[in-house]
Structures are given as C-alpha cells and as structure tokens.
C-alpha cells in the first residue's frame, strides 16, 4: 500500500477550529472538487426535536446506539415510566436528563460515537414511531431522501470518517463537522437525473427483503416448537390456563410450600398445569444434575472496570439477548486485579449457564458460555449453573422454553421492580430425564432450525448490500 505524504503549514492547521491534523482529515481537505454542493444545500440539521417527559405516559419504544446495527436495522426497547424495571434503569436516567429525540419519516440519524461502525439509520413508517437517543445526529434531507441515505452509507462514508474527531478512546462526530462536507456536484446531478429509475430498483430490493423477513420466526418460537413436538406439550392448553384470573384453592395448598406462599401468581392453575406436565416427563430435578451448588455472582464497583481489561463482567444487561456476546456494548471489561481476586469462586468456564435472577423483563433470561476464549466474572444479580452428566446446550434450550420460563414466573418473589428468584428455588424445578444421545438429537434439531433461520438472515444482509451497491452502479452506467 502506497504511503501518502502531506506538507501542511502550521498556520493552515491553526485555522481549523478543532486543530485536527490526522491524515484522513488532511486528505479530505486536500481533495479537489471543482464544483460541489454544500451540506446545507442537501440537508437540514434538526435541533427542535426534544421530547417533554410528560408526553411519555404509557408504553413507548426507545433506541440507543447499541439498539441499531451496521445495516441500519433497529431493535428498540419497550419502556414505561409507570412500570420502571431495574434492568432498564440506565435508559430512564438518560431520558430524564433529556437524552431523547423525536423523529419523522424520511429523517436520517448518524451515530455521534464510533461512526466507523456505520450506525446510520433511515426513518421509515415503522421506526418513525420510536424515540431515539440524542447520541444520534439528526438530519433531514432536502433532496432525494432515501438515495442520500444510501449515499451517506457508501459514496460519502469515507468523508464522514475523515471529518470525525478522535475522542477519548474512539472517534466522534459533531453536527458542526458535517457542515464542512462537500458533495461532488457531478455525482449529485447524475443521481438527480436517475432518481426515479434508482428508487424503483431500490424499492424492489426492499420489497424482497420484507418478504424474507416475514418468513423468519423468533428463536424462542423455534425452540418451543421442537420441545412441543418431542415432549407432546400442549401449549394451547397452557395458554387457556394462563387466562384464568379467578380460581379457588385449598388451605392445604398454601401449607404445601416451605415458605407458606399465598400469592395469586404462585397458585396460578397455569403454573400447576405446567409443573404437572413436566413431571409426567421426568421425576428428576435440576439439583440431580448439578456438579456443584448453584451460586450467585459478585458485585462490582465502577473502579473495577477497565476499558483495556481482557476479562468481562457478565451482568444482566450482558445476557438480556439470551447469549453473552463479548462484542456487545453491554459487555464491560474488568481489571486484572478484580478478575484474579474473584476467579476462584465467581468465574465462568465453557458449559456454564448464567441465569438472571432479578428484575422484571430480565429475570429468568439465560446465556450459555460456549467457548473457552472468554474469561469473566458473573454479576451478583445472576447465578451460575454447572451441570454433570447433562448436555449444557440442551439445558440452555430447555431453560428458554415457555414452560420453564413460566415456572420461574410463578416462583419468583417480590413486587414491581424488586423481583427475585434464588438458587434454592431453581434447583427444585423439574428437568427432562433423557439420555445424552436423545439430548444431542434434540439439540441438533433446534440448531438445524436456527441455521435455516440464519441462512434467511444472510439472504437479507445480501439484499441490503445489493441496495447499497445500486448507488455506485448507477454512476458507472
């Protein structure tokens, strides 16, 4: 790769407000464009988009940078100030500080932090109903809205990176940085000339993407379908039982549990139905297969985090998507000292199952540690389950079923945000007693369905990349 050398006078560098002197920015400044459009000719920066908290009375959806992917898809979180959940408290605190904006169809959002991740969003009919963090730069195209969105992701993406500033540990973008962008007029004029033809091709691909998305099922449904098939579970009967809110029970049933639980939820007919159905399959309990006692994790202080650390803190937030992903923004790294102090009793290893034990919305979610490459300490609001003579991945899938999750629901204690379940309760829950070979067969069936789903996802990604390539192709034809 050729080395580029620039000679820049100090006086010229001093004229730039941010005193940037990195090679990308200098290359951007040196680029010769005979005729160009200024940013303000093509876009408007939207500033009057704040949301008064009194407008957020009921359920609403909120999108942070971490709730978007590099292809422009968003995965919002559902919030409600009248029903604040512990695991979502960080969202509420940010929103209360004014970190929330409202958008409209056709707007474009660009991440202010780590712009190289390409978290650039186009607001359409569906996601226009969501609220967004103000960590997005909010712009509104004046021409060729959808086409300009794809241009920012392709033709002009390098310019976005060039004008970004090196922040504390990672690059950042600022609204005022965008004003320095120059858009080659020959490119814009050609796109304007081909706008209708290009839009037709783009929307055809988008329609194909929509058809593919309609064939996809949630992973939890795939798991439930296999367990329903293999264990003859009657989910329709379960759902009917769950609808029952008024029922009679006996005093004997109140005295049949060690801590004299008398809540309506604990005595739900649906809970008893699920328990009886699972007991038909097996008399075994989780405690019959644990290799060591189920234990709670370790609390942490902010000083124990270390951005340069090589080990992770597996918190409730880190497993809320039913897996531990070290590349997630919720996967925080910890200091070597903190890890070494706790690794003897609170560390993870391949085959461990981490279960969230607190907070409505997260309680009961599980993650399987499926490789030896991740070192970490699991959090105090989670518990670690280690099994013997049992396939961890089968147990992981079983723990994700509607039946098992409902057993957790009827057993957890507390009200509102203060919900908890404990190892002593988990170990008493039923678990299928089948051979390792049968477990492997069922795991293979589930993984096969998930693999098919992943193929569909890959097709969607290919179509999305095709849409982006249409822009560049249009300039060559």
Protein backbone atom coordinates (compact mmCIF):
# COMPACT_ATOMS: atom_id res chain seq x y z
CA UNK A 1 0.00 0.00 0.00
CA UNK A 2 1.42 3.39 -1.02
CA UNK A 3 2.31 5.88 1.68
CA UNK A 4 0.73 9.32 1.30
CA UNK A 5 2.78 12.29 2.48
CA UNK A 6 1.27 15.73 3.05
CA UNK A 7 3.04 19.01 3.77
CA UNK A 8 0.79 21.23 5.86
CA UNK A 9 1.63 24.65 7.24
CA UNK A 10 1.02 25.24 10.94
CA UNK A 11 -0.88 28.40 10.04
CA UNK A 12 -3.37 26.38 8.00
CA UNK A 13 -3.84 23.84 10.80
CA UNK A 14 -4.48 26.68 13.24
CA UNK A 15 -7.41 27.89 11.14
CA UNK A 16 -9.28 24.63 11.74
CA UNK A 17 -11.39 25.07 14.94
CA UNK A 18 -10.68 21.57 16.27
CA UNK A 19 -6.94 21.67 15.36
CA UNK A 20 -7.23 18.29 13.69
CA UNK A 21 -4.10 17.05 11.98
CA UNK A 22 -4.80 13.38 11.21
CA UNK A 23 -4.08 12.13 7.69
CA UNK A 24 -7.71 11.31 6.86
CA UNK A 25 -8.85 14.85 7.58
CA UNK A 26 -5.94 16.41 5.68
CA UNK A 27 -6.69 14.13 2.70
CA UNK A 28 -10.32 15.23 2.88
CA UNK A 29 -9.26 18.90 2.95
CA UNK A 30 -6.88 18.42 0.02
CA UNK A 31 -9.45 16.66 -2.18
CA UNK A 32 -10.03 18.73 -5.30
CA UNK A 33 -13.68 19.13 -6.22
CA UNK A 34 -14.28 21.63 -9.00
CA UNK A 35 -17.96 22.02 -8.32
CA UNK A 36 -19.75 20.86 -5.21
CA UNK A 37 -22.87 21.13 -3.09
CA UNK A 38 -22.53 22.32 0.48
CA UNK A 39 -24.03 20.26 3.27
CA UNK A 40 -26.73 22.89 3.91
CA UNK A 41 -27.87 22.65 0.31
CA UNK A 42 -28.69 18.97 0.70
CA UNK A 43 -29.53 18.55 4.39
CA UNK A 44 -31.00 20.33 7.36
CA UNK A 45 -29.70 19.68 10.88
CA UNK A 46 -32.75 19.16 13.11
CA UNK A 47 -32.45 20.67 16.57
CA UNK A 48 -36.07 21.21 17.68
CA UNK A 49 -36.70 17.55 18.45
CA UNK A 50 -36.63 17.30 22.25
CA UNK A 51 -39.38 15.33 23.97
CA UNK A 52 -41.10 16.59 27.16
CA UNK A 53 -41.28 13.79 29.75
CA UNK A 54 -44.99 14.45 30.29
CA UNK A 55 -45.57 13.09 26.76
CA UNK A 56 -44.29 9.67 27.86
CA UNK A 57 -47.27 8.50 29.90
CA UNK A 58 -47.70 4.97 28.54
CA UNK A 59 -45.57 2.32 26.82
CA UNK A 60 -43.04 3.73 24.36
CA UNK A 61 -40.09 2.41 22.38
CA UNK A 62 -36.57 3.81 22.68
CA UNK A 63 -33.48 3.27 20.54
CA UNK A 64 -29.91 3.78 21.70
CA UNK A 65 -26.79 3.40 19.57
CA UNK A 66 -26.48 -0.17 20.82
CA UNK A 67 -30.03 -0.94 19.65
CA UNK A 68 -29.03 -0.41 16.00
CA UNK A 69 -26.81 -2.48 13.74
CA UNK A 70 -24.43 -1.57 10.92
CA UNK A 71 -27.09 -2.36 8.29
CA UNK A 72 -29.48 0.28 9.62
CA UNK A 73 -31.84 -2.08 11.46
CA UNK A 74 -33.17 -1.06 14.86
CA UNK A 75 -34.18 -3.22 17.84
CA UNK A 76 -35.93 -0.88 20.29
CA UNK A 77 -36.54 -1.46 23.98
CA UNK A 78 -40.02 -1.10 25.41
CA UNK A 79 -40.22 1.30 28.36
CA UNK A 80 -42.88 2.73 30.65
CA UNK A 81 -42.19 5.29 33.39
CA UNK A 82 -45.11 3.92 35.40
CA UNK A 83 -43.53 0.46 35.44
CA UNK A 84 -39.78 1.05 35.70
CA UNK A 85 -37.72 -2.13 35.57
CA UNK A 86 -34.35 -2.47 37.26
CA UNK A 87 -32.54 -3.69 34.16
CA UNK A 88 -33.77 -0.64 32.19
CA UNK A 89 -32.87 1.97 34.80
CA UNK A 90 -29.96 3.32 32.75
CA UNK A 91 -32.39 4.14 29.92
CA UNK A 92 -34.73 6.01 32.25
CA UNK A 93 -31.93 8.05 33.80
CA UNK A 94 -30.64 9.12 30.39
CA UNK A 95 -34.14 10.05 29.22
CA UNK A 96 -34.75 12.10 32.39
CA UNK A 97 -31.60 14.07 31.53
CA UNK A 98 -33.11 14.92 28.14
CA UNK A 99 -31.34 12.23 26.14
CA UNK A 100 -34.31 11.55 23.87
CA UNK A 101 -35.45 12.89 20.50
CA UNK A 102 -38.48 12.52 18.24
CA UNK A 103 -38.15 11.91 14.51
CA UNK A 104 -40.30 11.85 11.40
CA UNK A 105 -40.39 9.71 8.27
CA UNK A 106 -37.53 10.47 5.89
CA UNK A 107 -35.09 11.67 8.56
CA UNK A 108 -31.57 10.27 8.80
CA UNK A 109 -29.76 9.54 12.08
CA UNK A 110 -25.97 9.22 12.29
CA UNK A 111 -24.19 7.94 15.39
CA UNK A 112 -22.03 10.58 17.06
CA UNK A 113 -19.77 7.93 18.58
CA UNK A 114 -17.64 5.45 16.65
CA UNK A 115 -19.04 6.47 13.23
CA UNK A 116 -16.87 3.80 11.60
CA UNK A 117 -19.46 1.24 12.84
CA UNK A 118 -21.79 2.69 10.19
CA UNK A 119 -24.79 3.02 12.51
CA UNK A 120 -26.70 5.25 10.12
CA UNK A 121 -30.50 4.96 10.16
CA UNK A 122 -33.25 5.90 7.72
CA UNK A 123 -36.54 6.67 9.41
CA UNK A 124 -39.43 4.89 7.69
CA UNK A 125 -43.10 4.26 8.50
CA UNK A 126 -42.30 1.61 11.12
CA UNK A 127 -39.40 3.09 13.06
CA UNK A 128 -40.79 6.64 12.94
CA UNK A 129 -42.95 5.57 15.90
CA UNK A 130 -39.88 5.13 18.12
CA UNK A 131 -37.94 7.65 20.19
CA UNK A 132 -34.16 7.86 19.85
CA UNK A 133 -31.17 8.84 21.92
CA UNK A 134 -29.71 12.28 21.24
CA UNK A 135 -26.38 10.48 20.73
CA UNK A 136 -27.55 10.39 17.11
CA UNK A 137 -27.04 13.41 14.86
CA UNK A 138 -30.47 14.18 13.45
CA UNK A 139 -30.55 15.41 9.84
CA UNK A 140 -33.32 15.86 7.26
CA UNK A 141 -32.57 15.55 3.53
CA UNK A 142 -33.77 18.36 1.24
CA UNK A 143 -33.38 16.23 -1.91
CA UNK A 144 -33.50 12.52 -2.78
CA UNK A 145 -34.09 11.45 0.82
CA UNK A 146 -33.74 7.68 0.51
CA UNK A 147 -30.96 7.92 -2.08
CA UNK A 148 -28.99 10.37 0.07
CA UNK A 149 -29.31 7.95 2.97
CA UNK A 150 -27.65 5.19 0.95
CA UNK A 151 -25.05 7.67 -0.33
CA UNK A 152 -24.05 8.51 3.25
CA UNK A 153 -23.51 4.78 3.79
CA UNK A 154 -21.47 4.34 0.59
CA UNK A 155 -20.17 7.15 -1.63
CA UNK A 156 -19.75 9.70 1.15
CA UNK A 157 -19.00 7.38 4.04
CA UNK A 158 -15.23 7.93 3.84
CA UNK A 159 -15.84 11.66 4.13
CA UNK A 160 -17.85 11.07 7.29
CA UNK A 161 -14.95 9.16 8.78
CA UNK A 162 -12.47 11.82 7.65
CA UNK A 163 -14.28 14.63 9.47
CA UNK A 164 -14.74 12.65 12.69
CA UNK A 165 -12.64 13.65 15.68
CA UNK A 166 -10.56 11.40 17.88
CA UNK A 167 -12.42 11.33 21.17
CA UNK A 168 -11.46 9.67 24.43
CA UNK A 169 -10.61 6.22 23.16
CA UNK A 170 -12.71 6.38 19.97
CA UNK A 171 -13.68 8.80 17.16
CA UNK A 172 -16.73 11.06 17.47
CA UNK A 173 -18.81 13.21 15.12
CA UNK A 174 -20.26 16.62 15.79
CA UNK A 175 -23.11 18.43 13.99
CA UNK A 176 -20.76 21.27 13.08
CA UNK A 177 -18.34 18.77 11.50
CA UNK A 178 -20.99 17.86 8.94
CA UNK A 179 -21.12 21.46 7.71
CA UNK A 180 -17.62 21.08 6.30
CA UNK A 181 -18.66 18.23 3.98
CA UNK A 182 -18.52 18.84 0.23
CA UNK A 183 -20.57 16.75 -2.18
CA UNK A 184 -19.27 16.38 -5.74
CA UNK A 185 -21.86 18.13 -7.90
CA UNK A 186 -21.32 15.82 -10.85
CA UNK A 187 -22.33 12.84 -8.65
CA UNK A 188 -25.35 14.58 -7.14
CA UNK A 189 -26.56 15.84 -10.54
CA UNK A 190 -26.29 12.36 -12.05
CA UNK A 191 -28.21 10.85 -9.14
CA UNK A 192 -30.90 13.51 -9.52
CA UNK A 193 -31.17 12.63 -13.21
CA UNK A 194 -31.56 8.91 -12.39
CA UNK A 195 -33.58 9.35 -9.20
CA UNK A 196 -36.82 7.65 -10.30
CA UNK A 197 -35.08 4.74 -12.01
CA UNK A 198 -32.81 4.23 -8.99
CA UNK A 199 -35.69 4.44 -6.49
CA UNK A 200 -37.59 1.78 -8.41
CA UNK A 201 -34.65 -0.63 -8.19
CA UNK A 202 -34.07 0.14 -4.51
CA UNK A 203 -37.72 -0.37 -3.58
CA UNK A 204 -37.81 -3.65 -5.47
CA UNK A 205 -34.92 -4.96 -3.33
CA UNK A 206 -36.56 -3.59 -0.19
CA UNK A 207 -39.75 -5.48 -1.08
CA UNK A 208 -37.71 -8.70 -1.42
CA UNK A 209 -36.15 -8.04 1.99
CA UNK A 210 -39.60 -7.58 3.52
CA UNK A 211 -40.75 -10.93 2.09
CA UNK A 212 -37.72 -12.67 3.59
CA UNK A 213 -38.30 -11.04 6.97
CA UNK A 214 -41.87 -12.32 7.02
CA UNK A 215 -40.62 -15.93 6.81
CA UNK A 216 -38.46 -15.57 9.90
CA UNK A 217 -39.57 -16.74 13.35
CA UNK A 218 -38.28 -15.66 16.75
CA UNK A 219 -35.63 -18.09 18.02
CA UNK A 220 -37.72 -18.76 21.13
CA UNK A 221 -40.58 -19.98 18.91
CA UNK A 222 -38.26 -22.38 17.09
CA UNK A 223 -37.15 -23.82 20.44
CA UNK A 224 -40.73 -24.11 21.71
CA UNK A 225 -41.89 -25.85 18.53
CA UNK A 226 -39.22 -28.57 18.87
CA UNK A 227 -39.91 -29.16 22.58
CA UNK A 228 -43.64 -29.23 21.90
CA UNK A 229 -43.08 -31.86 19.21
CA UNK A 230 -40.61 -34.01 21.18
CA UNK A 231 -42.38 -33.96 24.56
CA UNK A 232 -46.02 -33.69 23.39
CA UNK A 233 -46.51 -30.41 25.22
CA UNK A 234 -49.94 -28.83 24.92
CA UNK A 235 -49.17 -25.13 24.61
CA UNK A 236 -52.77 -24.34 23.65
CA UNK A 237 -54.00 -25.76 26.96
CA UNK A 238 -51.28 -23.81 28.78
CA UNK A 239 -52.40 -20.54 27.19
CA UNK A 240 -56.02 -21.24 28.16
CA UNK A 241 -54.98 -21.94 31.77
CA UNK A 242 -52.93 -18.75 31.81
CA UNK A 243 -56.02 -16.68 31.02
CA UNK A 244 -57.66 -17.77 34.29
CA UNK A 245 -57.52 -14.97 36.86
CA UNK A 246 -60.24 -16.05 39.29
CA UNK A 247 -59.95 -19.51 40.83
CA UNK A 248 -60.39 -21.44 44.07
CA UNK A 249 -57.72 -23.27 46.01
CA UNK A 250 -57.50 -25.06 49.35
CA UNK A 251 -55.77 -24.16 52.60
CA UNK A 252 -53.78 -27.35 52.16
CA UNK A 253 -52.18 -25.93 49.01
CA UNK A 254 -51.00 -22.87 50.97
CA UNK A 255 -49.28 -25.06 53.55
CA UNK A 256 -47.69 -27.33 50.95
CA UNK A 257 -44.74 -24.99 50.32
CA UNK A 258 -41.92 -24.29 52.77
CA UNK A 259 -42.35 -20.51 52.98
CA UNK A 260 -46.19 -20.51 53.00
CA UNK A 261 -46.52 -18.66 49.69
CA UNK A 262 -50.03 -17.32 49.27
CA UNK A 263 -49.75 -15.02 46.26
CA UNK A 264 -52.21 -15.43 43.38
CA UNK A 265 -49.37 -15.92 40.89
CA UNK A 266 -47.74 -18.72 42.89
CA UNK A 267 -51.03 -20.65 42.89
CA UNK A 268 -51.97 -19.98 39.26
CA UNK A 269 -53.66 -23.01 37.64
CA UNK A 270 -51.32 -22.48 34.66
CA UNK A 271 -48.29 -22.93 36.91
CA UNK A 272 -49.62 -26.14 38.40
CA UNK A 273 -50.56 -27.37 34.94
CA UNK A 274 -47.03 -26.77 33.60
CA UNK A 275 -45.46 -28.42 36.63
CA UNK A 276 -47.66 -31.49 36.29
CA UNK A 277 -46.96 -31.75 32.54
CA UNK A 278 -43.21 -31.66 33.12
CA UNK A 279 -43.45 -34.14 35.99
CA UNK A 280 -45.08 -36.60 33.57
CA UNK A 281 -41.87 -36.45 31.54
CA UNK A 282 -39.49 -36.94 34.45
CA UNK A 283 -39.19 -37.12 38.23
CA UNK A 284 -35.72 -35.54 38.06
CA UNK A 285 -34.94 -32.05 39.30
CA UNK A 286 -32.14 -29.66 38.34
CA UNK A 287 -30.35 -30.45 41.60
CA UNK A 288 -29.94 -34.05 40.41
CA UNK A 289 -27.62 -32.87 37.64
CA UNK A 290 -25.60 -30.02 39.15
CA UNK A 291 -21.88 -30.65 39.54
CA UNK A 292 -21.62 -28.07 42.34
CA UNK A 293 -24.07 -25.82 44.22
CA UNK A 294 -25.71 -23.05 42.18
CA UNK A 295 -24.14 -19.78 43.32
CA UNK A 296 -24.82 -16.07 42.97
CA UNK A 297 -22.28 -13.79 41.32
CA UNK A 298 -20.14 -10.91 42.55
CA UNK A 299 -20.97 -7.22 42.88
CA UNK A 300 -18.71 -4.64 41.27
CA UNK A 301 -17.63 -1.06 41.84
CA UNK A 302 -17.02 1.41 38.97
CA UNK A 303 -13.31 1.40 39.83
CA UNK A 304 -13.15 -2.31 38.94
CA UNK A 305 -14.00 -1.68 35.28
CA UNK A 306 -11.09 -1.33 32.89
CA UNK A 307 -11.52 -0.48 29.19
CA UNK A 308 -8.20 -2.17 28.49
CA UNK A 309 -9.09 -5.29 30.50
CA UNK A 310 -9.13 -8.73 28.91
CA UNK A 311 -11.81 -10.27 31.13
CA UNK A 312 -15.54 -9.48 31.18
CA UNK A 313 -18.24 -8.70 33.70
CA UNK A 314 -21.28 -10.80 32.81
CA UNK A 315 -24.14 -8.64 34.05
CA UNK A 316 -27.90 -8.97 33.48
CA UNK A 317 -27.60 -6.45 30.65
CA UNK A 318 -24.89 -8.57 29.01
CA UNK A 319 -27.24 -11.59 28.71
CA UNK A 320 -30.56 -9.87 28.05
CA UNK A 321 -30.44 -11.11 24.44
CA UNK A 322 -30.20 -14.75 25.64
CA UNK A 323 -26.47 -15.00 24.92
CA UNK A 324 -23.21 -13.47 26.03
CA UNK A 325 -21.63 -11.53 23.19
CA UNK A 326 -18.23 -10.01 24.08
CA UNK A 327 -18.61 -7.56 21.17
CA UNK A 328 -21.80 -6.09 22.63
CA UNK A 329 -21.75 -2.62 24.15
CA UNK A 330 -23.14 -4.22 27.32
CA UNK A 331 -20.07 -6.45 27.69
CA UNK A 332 -17.87 -4.40 30.02
CA UNK A 333 -14.26 -5.37 30.67
CA UNK A 334 -12.77 -5.53 34.16
CA UNK A 335 -9.36 -5.03 35.72
CA UNK A 336 -6.95 -7.92 36.01
CA UNK A 337 -6.83 -7.44 39.78
CA UNK A 338 -10.62 -7.71 40.17
CA UNK A 339 -10.67 -10.82 37.99
CA UNK A 340 -7.87 -12.52 39.91
CA UNK A 341 -9.48 -11.71 43.26
CA UNK A 342 -12.74 -13.44 42.25
CA UNK A 343 -11.88 -16.07 39.64
CA UNK A 344 -11.65 -18.93 42.16
CA UNK A 345 -15.38 -18.80 43.00
CA UNK A 346 -17.13 -16.39 40.62
CA UNK A 347 -15.57 -17.02 37.21
CA UNK A 348 -17.10 -18.59 34.13
CA UNK A 349 -15.97 -21.57 32.07
CA UNK A 350 -17.21 -23.37 28.97
CA UNK A 351 -20.51 -25.14 29.65
CA UNK A 352 -21.68 -22.75 32.38
CA UNK A 353 -25.23 -21.43 32.20
CA UNK A 354 -25.73 -17.92 33.58
CA UNK A 355 -29.28 -17.10 34.69
CA UNK A 356 -30.54 -13.61 35.56
CA UNK A 357 -32.17 -13.73 38.97
CA UNK A 358 -33.70 -10.26 39.36
CA UNK A 359 -35.74 -7.57 37.64
CA UNK A 360 -38.92 -7.93 35.61
CA UNK A 361 -38.11 -8.28 31.93
CA UNK A 362 -34.69 -9.85 32.54
CA UNK A 363 -35.27 -12.30 35.37
CA UNK A 364 -35.02 -15.84 34.01
CA UNK A 365 -33.02 -14.99 30.91
CA UNK A 366 -30.11 -17.33 30.37
CA UNK A 367 -26.86 -17.46 28.44
CA UNK A 368 -24.64 -20.43 27.66
CA UNK A 369 -20.89 -19.94 27.84
CA UNK A 370 -19.99 -21.95 24.76
CA UNK A 371 -16.24 -21.49 24.35
CA UNK A 372 -13.03 -21.30 26.36
CA UNK A 373 -11.92 -17.94 24.97
CA UNK A 374 -13.96 -15.75 27.29
CA UNK A 375 -12.79 -15.13 30.84
CA UNK A 376 -15.09 -13.29 33.16
CA UNK A 377 -16.86 -12.80 36.49
CA UNK A 378 -20.64 -13.17 36.62
CA UNK A 379 -22.67 -10.47 38.36
CA UNK A 380 -24.39 -10.56 41.72
CA UNK A 381 -27.81 -10.35 40.05
CA UNK A 382 -27.11 -13.55 38.14
CA UNK A 383 -26.42 -17.13 39.14
CA UNK A 384 -24.16 -19.82 37.67
CA UNK A 385 -25.41 -23.35 36.93
CA UNK A 386 -22.85 -26.08 36.29
CA UNK A 387 -24.13 -29.48 35.24
CA UNK A 388 -22.77 -33.02 35.22
CA UNK A 389 -23.92 -35.93 33.06
CA UNK A 390 -26.12 -33.50 31.19
CA UNK A 391 -25.67 -31.58 27.93
CA UNK A 392 -25.36 -27.84 28.75
CA UNK A 393 -26.79 -26.74 25.40
CA UNK A 394 -29.86 -28.94 25.83
CA UNK A 395 -30.41 -27.49 29.32
CA UNK A 396 -29.93 -23.99 27.88
CA UNK A 397 -32.62 -24.59 25.27
CA UNK A 398 -34.92 -26.15 27.87
CA UNK A 399 -34.47 -23.13 30.15
CA UNK A 400 -35.65 -20.92 27.26
CA UNK A 401 -38.94 -22.79 26.72
CA UNK A 402 -42.26 -21.18 27.59
CA UNK A 403 -42.94 -23.93 30.15
CA UNK A 404 -39.74 -23.43 32.10
CA UNK A 405 -39.96 -19.64 31.94
CA UNK A 406 -43.49 -19.83 33.30
CA UNK A 407 -42.29 -21.95 36.22
CA UNK A 408 -39.82 -19.17 37.01
CA UNK A 409 -42.60 -16.60 36.78
CA UNK A 410 -44.81 -18.35 39.34
CA UNK A 411 -41.86 -18.92 41.68
CA UNK A 412 -40.16 -15.53 41.74
CA UNK A 413 -40.79 -13.32 44.75
CA UNK A 414 -41.37 -9.61 45.17
CA UNK A 415 -43.36 -6.81 43.58
CA UNK A 416 -42.72 -4.27 40.82
CA UNK A 417 -39.01 -3.94 40.07
CA UNK A 418 -37.96 -5.89 43.14
CA UNK A 419 -38.40 -9.38 41.74
CA UNK A 420 -36.01 -12.16 42.71
CA UNK A 421 -35.54 -15.88 42.37
CA UNK A 422 -32.93 -17.89 44.26
CA UNK A 423 -30.74 -20.96 43.72
CA UNK A 424 -32.73 -22.89 46.32
CA UNK A 425 -35.82 -22.47 44.11
CA UNK A 426 -34.10 -23.13 40.79
CA UNK A 427 -32.59 -26.43 41.91
CA UNK A 428 -36.03 -27.83 42.78
CA UNK A 429 -37.52 -27.28 39.31
CA UNK A 430 -38.11 -30.30 37.04
CA UNK A 431 -35.83 -31.11 34.09
CA UNK A 432 -36.23 -33.81 31.40
CA UNK A 433 -34.55 -37.12 32.24
CA UNK A 434 -33.42 -38.37 28.85
CA UNK A 435 -30.19 -39.88 27.59
CA UNK A 436 -27.29 -37.76 26.35
CA UNK A 437 -27.91 -39.23 22.89
CA UNK A 438 -31.52 -38.01 22.95
CA UNK A 439 -30.39 -34.62 24.17
CA UNK A 440 -27.88 -34.41 21.32
CA UNK A 441 -30.58 -35.34 18.81
CA UNK A 442 -32.95 -32.63 20.05
CA UNK A 443 -30.15 -30.07 20.14
CA UNK A 444 -29.33 -30.99 16.55
CA UNK A 445 -32.97 -30.43 15.53
CA UNK A 446 -33.05 -27.00 17.17
CA UNK A 447 -29.68 -25.95 15.75
CA UNK A 448 -30.87 -27.08 12.31
CA UNK A 449 -33.90 -24.78 12.53
CA UNK A 450 -31.75 -21.91 13.80
CA UNK A 451 -29.25 -22.49 10.98
CA UNK A 452 -32.07 -22.25 8.42
CA UNK A 453 -33.13 -19.03 10.06
CA UNK A 454 -29.58 -17.74 9.89
CA UNK A 455 -29.48 -18.52 6.17
CA UNK A 456 -32.56 -16.35 5.75
CA UNK A 457 -30.81 -13.62 7.74
CA UNK A 458 -27.77 -13.88 5.47
CA UNK A 459 -30.02 -13.51 2.43
CA UNK A 460 -31.48 -10.36 3.95
CA UNK A 461 -27.99 -8.98 4.53
CA UNK A 462 -27.03 -9.77 0.93
CA UNK A 463 -30.11 -7.93 -0.33
CA UNK A 464 -29.32 -4.95 1.89
CA UNK A 465 -25.78 -4.83 0.49
CA UNK A 466 -27.21 -5.08 -3.03
CA UNK A 467 -29.27 -1.97 -2.36
CA UNK A 468 -26.17 -0.07 -1.33
CA UNK A 469 -24.24 -1.25 -4.41
CA UNK A 470 -27.00 0.07 -6.70
CA UNK A 471 -25.86 3.61 -5.94
CA UNK A 472 -22.34 3.03 -7.16
CA UNK A 473 -23.51 1.00 -10.14
CA UNK A 474 -25.78 3.84 -11.26
CA UNK A 475 -22.77 6.15 -11.60
CA UNK A 476 -20.99 3.73 -13.95
CA UNK A 477 -23.88 3.01 -16.31
